[in-house]
């Protein structure tokens, strides 16, 4: 990408899209296209077609998606599969038909099977059953990745797919009924601290392990791959370290300064028992994450405190 290339970041108000916009500006890219959901509903085929015809972006970061934690995925599987299929189908197709030079599709580590050897290599995809609680979202993301590969094979369209580890950071969704584990725990512990609650209840038994990647590291890697990677086969992005949910909960409890106890509700789902990505392909290219989990949690908590009256809750 040149510094003056016209770059469309789809989903620029979300966790990932907002970080990519910040990083692009920091690196000197000066022709960035953004649209809010109110300005452009990416589920609307005709609206998306009109946008691409009128604006003709050179590069597209497809970060827009309906995302959420275990509970919300389980409650709204139809919305998760419909919205995501609509968004990605429209953006990928009209990127190709309007001469986009390259598109980056943002996937998710949850596309991998519920039980699989660790760390997870890219070719383990679809080797066994998915985790039932987020199956609709995972299937939509797999379809988006396969669509990129199909357009590359049939039309020669340069579309790449990245599969990040569990993400966290500023501009996340902190609604405890909808969000992922880190913002949910931050919100729960902060609310418990402020209301002098003796305990906080967490899902499952705390034994599953997860690999967490700060969104600013992801943004840096996505721009790096947009400039250096052209293989239609998807590529993992991770931090190369993992923790149990119990360890994570205690870390966040300390960051927040909550002094009560944690109760584990074993009647709630654990989700996938183990998830750590094999990032050897990206490692060999020379990219490494730089933000450790403790520092990232402290930054995320501080952002939440400063913005909690305005952030999504």
Protein backbone atom coordinates (compact mmCIF):
# COMPACT_ATOMS: atom_id res chain seq x y z
CA UNK A 1 0.00 0.00 0.00
CA UNK A 2 1.17 3.50 -0.75
CA UNK A 3 0.65 6.21 1.82
CA UNK A 4 -1.97 7.84 -0.44
CA UNK A 5 -3.76 4.58 -1.37
CA UNK A 6 -7.51 4.72 -0.81
CA UNK A 7 -8.12 2.31 2.08
CA UNK A 8 -11.60 1.29 3.26
CA UNK A 9 -11.79 -0.01 6.84
CA UNK A 10 -15.15 -1.76 7.16
CA UNK A 11 -16.23 -1.76 10.79
CA UNK A 12 -14.12 1.23 11.77
CA UNK A 13 -16.03 1.84 15.01
CA UNK A 14 -15.45 -1.66 16.36
CA UNK A 15 -12.61 -3.07 18.43
CA UNK A 16 -10.44 -4.12 15.47
CA UNK A 17 -11.44 -1.53 12.89
CA UNK A 18 -10.83 1.42 15.20
CA UNK A 19 -7.38 0.08 16.04
CA UNK A 20 -6.48 -0.42 12.37
CA UNK A 21 -7.56 3.16 11.60
CA UNK A 22 -5.40 4.49 14.45
CA UNK A 23 -2.40 2.44 13.29
CA UNK A 24 -2.79 3.44 9.64
CA UNK A 25 -2.84 7.12 10.61
CA UNK A 26 0.17 6.62 12.88
CA UNK A 27 2.07 5.09 9.94
CA UNK A 28 1.23 8.01 7.67
CA UNK A 29 -1.57 6.59 5.52
CA UNK A 30 -3.66 9.62 4.61
CA UNK A 31 -6.59 8.45 2.47
CA UNK A 32 -8.68 6.28 4.79
CA UNK A 33 -12.37 5.65 4.05
CA UNK A 34 -14.71 4.96 6.97
CA UNK A 35 -18.47 4.65 7.36
CA UNK A 36 -20.61 4.17 10.45
CA UNK A 37 -23.37 1.55 10.44
CA UNK A 38 -25.88 4.38 10.22
CA UNK A 39 -24.16 5.70 7.10
CA UNK A 40 -23.68 2.31 5.44
CA UNK A 41 -25.43 -0.90 6.51
CA UNK A 42 -23.10 -3.57 5.15
CA UNK A 43 -25.95 -6.11 5.20
CA UNK A 44 -27.68 -4.06 2.49
CA UNK A 45 -26.48 -5.38 -0.86
CA UNK A 46 -27.52 -2.36 -2.93
CA UNK A 47 -26.04 0.11 -0.46
CA UNK A 48 -22.72 -1.74 -0.47
CA UNK A 49 -22.69 -1.92 -4.26
CA UNK A 50 -23.34 1.83 -4.50
CA UNK A 51 -20.59 2.59 -1.99
CA UNK A 52 -17.97 0.65 -3.94
CA UNK A 53 -19.07 2.03 -7.31
CA UNK A 54 -18.87 5.60 -6.00
CA UNK A 55 -15.68 5.36 -3.92
CA UNK A 56 -13.50 2.73 -5.66
CA UNK A 57 -11.18 1.89 -2.73
CA UNK A 58 -7.78 0.36 -3.50
CA UNK A 59 -7.55 -1.78 -0.37
CA UNK A 60 -10.15 -3.15 2.07
CA UNK A 61 -9.81 -4.30 5.66
CA UNK A 62 -12.98 -6.30 6.33
CA UNK A 63 -13.33 -6.02 10.11
CA UNK A 64 -17.10 -5.51 10.31
CA UNK A 65 -18.96 -8.36 11.97
CA UNK A 66 -21.56 -9.22 14.57
CA UNK A 67 -19.49 -10.52 17.49
CA UNK A 68 -20.12 -11.50 21.09
CA UNK A 69 -19.44 -13.90 23.93
CA UNK A 70 -20.72 -17.40 24.66
CA UNK A 71 -24.06 -16.29 26.07
CA UNK A 72 -25.02 -13.99 23.22
CA UNK A 73 -23.89 -16.51 20.59
CA UNK A 74 -26.05 -19.18 22.18
CA UNK A 75 -29.09 -16.88 22.41
CA UNK A 76 -28.96 -15.42 18.89
CA UNK A 77 -27.49 -18.01 16.49
CA UNK A 78 -29.72 -16.92 13.59
CA UNK A 79 -28.59 -13.29 13.87
CA UNK A 80 -24.93 -14.30 14.07
CA UNK A 81 -25.01 -16.42 10.94
CA UNK A 82 -27.30 -14.14 8.89
CA UNK A 83 -25.65 -10.81 9.66
CA UNK A 84 -22.12 -12.09 9.16
CA UNK A 85 -22.90 -13.93 5.93
CA UNK A 86 -24.58 -10.81 4.53
CA UNK A 87 -21.80 -8.43 5.55
CA UNK A 88 -18.88 -10.46 4.26
CA UNK A 89 -20.59 -11.64 1.05
CA UNK A 90 -21.45 -8.08 0.07
CA UNK A 91 -18.06 -6.58 0.87
CA UNK A 92 -15.99 -9.37 -0.71
CA UNK A 93 -18.07 -9.52 -3.91
CA UNK A 94 -18.24 -5.79 -4.54
CA UNK A 95 -14.58 -5.35 -3.67
CA UNK A 96 -13.79 -7.75 -6.49
CA UNK A 97 -16.23 -6.28 -9.01
CA UNK A 98 -14.96 -2.75 -8.38
CA UNK A 99 -11.26 -3.40 -8.81
CA UNK A 100 -10.01 -3.51 -5.22
CA UNK A 101 -6.33 -4.44 -5.35
CA UNK A 102 -6.38 -6.46 -2.15
CA UNK A 103 -8.78 -7.39 0.66
CA UNK A 104 -7.99 -8.64 4.15
CA UNK A 105 -10.75 -10.70 5.81
CA UNK A 106 -10.75 -10.91 9.59
CA UNK A 107 -11.63 -14.37 10.88
CA UNK A 108 -11.56 -15.78 14.38
CA UNK A 109 -9.85 -18.58 16.26
CA UNK A 110 -13.28 -19.99 17.09
CA UNK A 111 -13.46 -21.40 13.54
CA UNK A 112 -11.26 -24.27 14.74
CA UNK A 113 -12.74 -27.49 16.16
CA UNK A 114 -13.76 -27.71 19.81
CA UNK A 115 -11.20 -30.44 20.47
CA UNK A 116 -7.99 -30.33 18.47
CA UNK A 117 -4.24 -30.80 19.03
CA UNK A 118 -2.49 -27.80 20.59
CA UNK A 119 -1.16 -25.41 19.44
CA UNK A 120 -3.64 -25.18 16.57
CA UNK A 121 -2.13 -25.26 13.09
CA UNK A 122 -3.97 -23.71 10.16
CA UNK A 123 -4.63 -27.08 8.52
CA UNK A 124 -6.58 -28.35 11.56
CA UNK A 125 -9.55 -26.36 10.27
CA UNK A 126 -12.68 -28.53 9.82
CA UNK A 127 -10.91 -31.62 11.12
CA UNK A 128 -13.67 -32.30 13.70
CA UNK A 129 -16.79 -30.79 15.32
CA UNK A 130 -17.08 -27.10 16.18
CA UNK A 131 -17.88 -25.74 19.64
CA UNK A 132 -21.74 -25.77 19.72
CA UNK A 133 -22.15 -22.45 21.59
CA UNK A 134 -20.65 -20.37 18.76
CA UNK A 135 -21.23 -22.65 15.80
CA UNK A 136 -23.28 -20.14 13.78
CA UNK A 137 -20.61 -17.45 14.06
CA UNK A 138 -17.82 -19.92 13.28
CA UNK A 139 -19.59 -21.28 10.20
CA UNK A 140 -20.13 -17.76 8.88
CA UNK A 141 -16.44 -16.96 9.34
CA UNK A 142 -15.41 -20.20 7.65
CA UNK A 143 -17.70 -19.30 4.74
CA UNK A 144 -16.07 -15.86 4.47
CA UNK A 145 -12.62 -17.38 4.37
CA UNK A 146 -13.69 -19.93 1.76
CA UNK A 147 -15.29 -17.16 -0.29
CA UNK A 148 -11.99 -15.29 -0.34
CA UNK A 149 -10.24 -18.44 -1.53
CA UNK A 150 -12.90 -19.10 -4.19
CA UNK A 151 -12.60 -15.57 -5.60
CA UNK A 152 -8.82 -15.92 -5.60
CA UNK A 153 -9.01 -19.23 -7.45
CA UNK A 154 -11.66 -18.31 -10.01
CA UNK A 155 -10.98 -14.62 -10.54
CA UNK A 156 -7.43 -14.08 -9.33
CA UNK A 157 -8.71 -11.69 -6.66
CA UNK A 158 -6.05 -10.95 -4.04
CA UNK A 159 -7.99 -11.73 -0.85
CA UNK A 160 -6.27 -12.94 2.30
CA UNK A 161 -7.70 -14.21 5.60
CA UNK A 162 -6.26 -13.85 9.09
CA UNK A 163 -7.28 -15.84 12.18
CA UNK A 164 -6.43 -14.01 15.42
CA UNK A 165 -6.41 -15.33 18.95
CA UNK A 166 -8.96 -13.97 21.45
CA UNK A 167 -8.86 -10.19 21.21
CA UNK A 168 -9.14 -7.45 23.79
CA UNK A 169 -8.36 -3.76 24.18
CA UNK A 170 -9.83 -0.24 23.93
CA UNK A 171 -13.20 0.25 22.17
CA UNK A 172 -14.41 -3.24 23.07
CA UNK A 173 -18.03 -4.04 23.95
CA UNK A 174 -18.43 -4.05 27.75
CA UNK A 175 -22.06 -5.18 27.89
CA UNK A 176 -21.80 -8.24 30.17
CA UNK A 177 -24.75 -9.93 28.42
CA UNK A 178 -23.06 -9.73 25.01
CA UNK A 179 -19.31 -9.31 25.29
CA UNK A 180 -16.25 -11.56 25.39
CA UNK A 181 -14.52 -12.73 28.52
CA UNK A 182 -12.04 -9.89 29.24
CA UNK A 183 -14.47 -6.95 28.97
CA UNK A 184 -17.11 -9.02 30.80
CA UNK A 185 -14.75 -9.67 33.72
CA UNK A 186 -13.55 -6.06 33.84
CA UNK A 187 -17.13 -4.84 33.95
CA UNK A 188 -18.20 -7.42 36.54
CA UNK A 189 -15.30 -6.74 38.91
CA UNK A 190 -15.60 -2.98 38.58
CA UNK A 191 -19.34 -3.09 39.31
CA UNK A 192 -18.76 -5.41 42.26
CA UNK A 193 -16.06 -3.14 43.67
CA UNK A 194 -18.22 -0.05 43.39
CA UNK A 195 -21.26 -1.73 44.97
CA UNK A 196 -19.26 -3.52 47.73
CA UNK A 197 -20.32 -7.00 46.61
CA UNK A 198 -18.73 -9.89 48.50
CA UNK A 199 -18.34 -12.07 45.39
CA UNK A 200 -18.44 -12.20 41.60
CA UNK A 201 -19.88 -15.19 39.72
CA UNK A 202 -18.04 -16.38 36.61
CA UNK A 203 -19.05 -18.90 33.91
CA UNK A 204 -17.88 -22.53 34.09
CA UNK A 205 -15.10 -23.90 36.26
CA UNK A 206 -12.20 -21.69 35.14
CA UNK A 207 -10.13 -24.51 33.65
CA UNK A 208 -10.26 -23.69 29.89
CA UNK A 209 -7.16 -22.03 28.49
CA UNK A 210 -7.13 -19.13 26.05
CA UNK A 211 -4.54 -17.13 24.16
CA UNK A 212 -5.18 -13.39 24.23
CA UNK A 213 -3.93 -10.84 21.71
CA UNK A 214 -4.09 -7.09 22.23
CA UNK A 215 -6.02 -5.45 19.40
CA UNK A 216 -3.18 -3.00 18.68
CA UNK A 217 -0.87 -5.96 18.04
CA UNK A 218 -3.49 -7.38 15.70
CA UNK A 219 -3.77 -4.07 13.84
CA UNK A 220 -0.01 -3.94 13.39
CA UNK A 221 0.05 -7.51 12.07
CA UNK A 222 -2.87 -6.92 9.68
CA UNK A 223 -1.13 -3.94 8.06
CA UNK A 224 2.09 -5.94 7.91
CA UNK A 225 0.29 -8.83 6.17
CA UNK A 226 -1.56 -6.51 3.79
CA UNK A 227 1.85 -5.34 2.63
CA UNK A 228 3.69 -8.67 2.75
CA UNK A 229 1.35 -11.67 2.39
CA UNK A 230 -0.53 -12.82 -0.73
CA UNK A 231 -1.35 -16.47 -0.03
CA UNK A 232 -5.11 -17.27 -0.08
CA UNK A 233 -4.53 -19.84 2.68
CA UNK A 234 -5.46 -18.28 6.02
CA UNK A 235 -2.79 -17.43 8.59
CA UNK A 236 -2.89 -17.46 12.40
CA UNK A 237 -2.04 -14.42 14.51
CA UNK A 238 -1.35 -14.83 18.22
CA UNK A 239 0.67 -13.78 21.22
CA UNK A 240 2.41 -17.15 21.77
CA UNK A 241 1.20 -17.42 25.40
CA UNK A 242 -1.98 -18.68 27.05
CA UNK A 243 -3.63 -18.66 30.47
CA UNK A 244 -6.53 -20.44 32.12
CA UNK A 245 -9.73 -18.48 32.59
CA UNK A 246 -9.18 -18.80 36.35
CA UNK A 247 -5.72 -17.22 36.04
CA UNK A 248 -7.14 -14.50 33.81
CA UNK A 249 -9.92 -13.77 36.31
CA UNK A 250 -7.43 -13.33 39.13
CA UNK A 251 -5.27 -11.04 36.98
CA UNK A 252 -8.25 -8.82 36.16
CA UNK A 253 -9.42 -8.88 39.76
CA UNK A 254 -6.01 -7.51 40.78
CA UNK A 255 -5.97 -4.90 38.00
CA UNK A 256 -9.42 -3.65 39.03
CA UNK A 257 -8.58 -3.74 42.72
CA UNK A 258 -11.55 -5.89 43.72
CA UNK A 259 -11.06 -7.63 47.06
CA UNK A 260 -14.02 -10.03 47.14
CA UNK A 261 -14.13 -13.68 46.11
CA UNK A 262 -14.84 -15.47 42.82
CA UNK A 263 -17.60 -18.08 42.57
CA UNK A 264 -17.55 -20.46 39.61
CA UNK A 265 -20.95 -21.42 38.18
CA UNK A 266 -20.37 -24.90 36.79
CA UNK A 267 -23.89 -24.94 35.34
CA UNK A 268 -22.73 -22.38 32.77
CA UNK A 269 -20.74 -23.50 29.69
CA UNK A 270 -16.95 -23.58 29.65
CA UNK A 271 -16.70 -23.33 25.88
CA UNK A 272 -13.75 -24.90 24.05
CA UNK A 273 -11.42 -26.48 26.64
CA UNK A 274 -8.09 -25.48 25.04
CA UNK A 275 -7.25 -22.87 22.42
CA UNK A 276 -3.75 -21.75 21.53
CA UNK A 277 -2.72 -20.96 17.99
CA UNK A 278 0.38 -22.16 16.19
CA UNK A 279 1.85 -18.97 14.74
CA UNK A 280 4.99 -20.49 13.21
CA UNK A 281 4.13 -19.32 9.68
CA UNK A 282 3.83 -15.69 10.80
CA UNK A 283 6.87 -16.06 13.07
CA UNK A 284 8.94 -17.11 10.07
CA UNK A 285 7.90 -13.91 8.29
CA UNK A 286 9.44 -11.92 11.14
CA UNK A 287 6.36 -10.49 12.90
CA UNK A 288 5.94 -10.87 16.69
CA UNK A 289 3.42 -9.45 19.15
CA UNK A 290 4.84 -6.89 21.59
CA UNK A 291 2.15 -6.21 24.23
CA UNK A 292 2.15 -8.58 27.21
CA UNK A 293 -1.14 -9.54 28.83
CA UNK A 294 -0.67 -7.74 32.15
CA UNK A 295 0.22 -4.42 30.51
CA UNK A 296 -2.61 -4.84 28.02
CA UNK A 297 -5.16 -5.54 30.76
CA UNK A 298 -4.09 -2.46 32.69
CA UNK A 299 -4.38 -0.29 29.57
CA UNK A 300 -7.80 -1.75 28.74
CA UNK A 301 -9.08 -1.21 32.27
CA UNK A 302 -7.85 2.40 32.31
CA UNK A 303 -9.55 3.04 28.97
CA UNK A 304 -12.78 1.54 30.32
CA UNK A 305 -12.71 3.76 33.42
CA UNK A 306 -12.17 6.85 31.29
CA UNK A 307 -14.86 5.94 28.75
CA UNK A 308 -17.41 3.71 30.51
CA UNK A 309 -20.17 6.30 30.31
CA UNK A 310 -19.87 6.33 26.52
CA UNK A 311 -18.65 2.86 25.56
CA UNK A 312 -20.99 0.04 24.53
CA UNK A 313 -22.56 -1.46 27.67
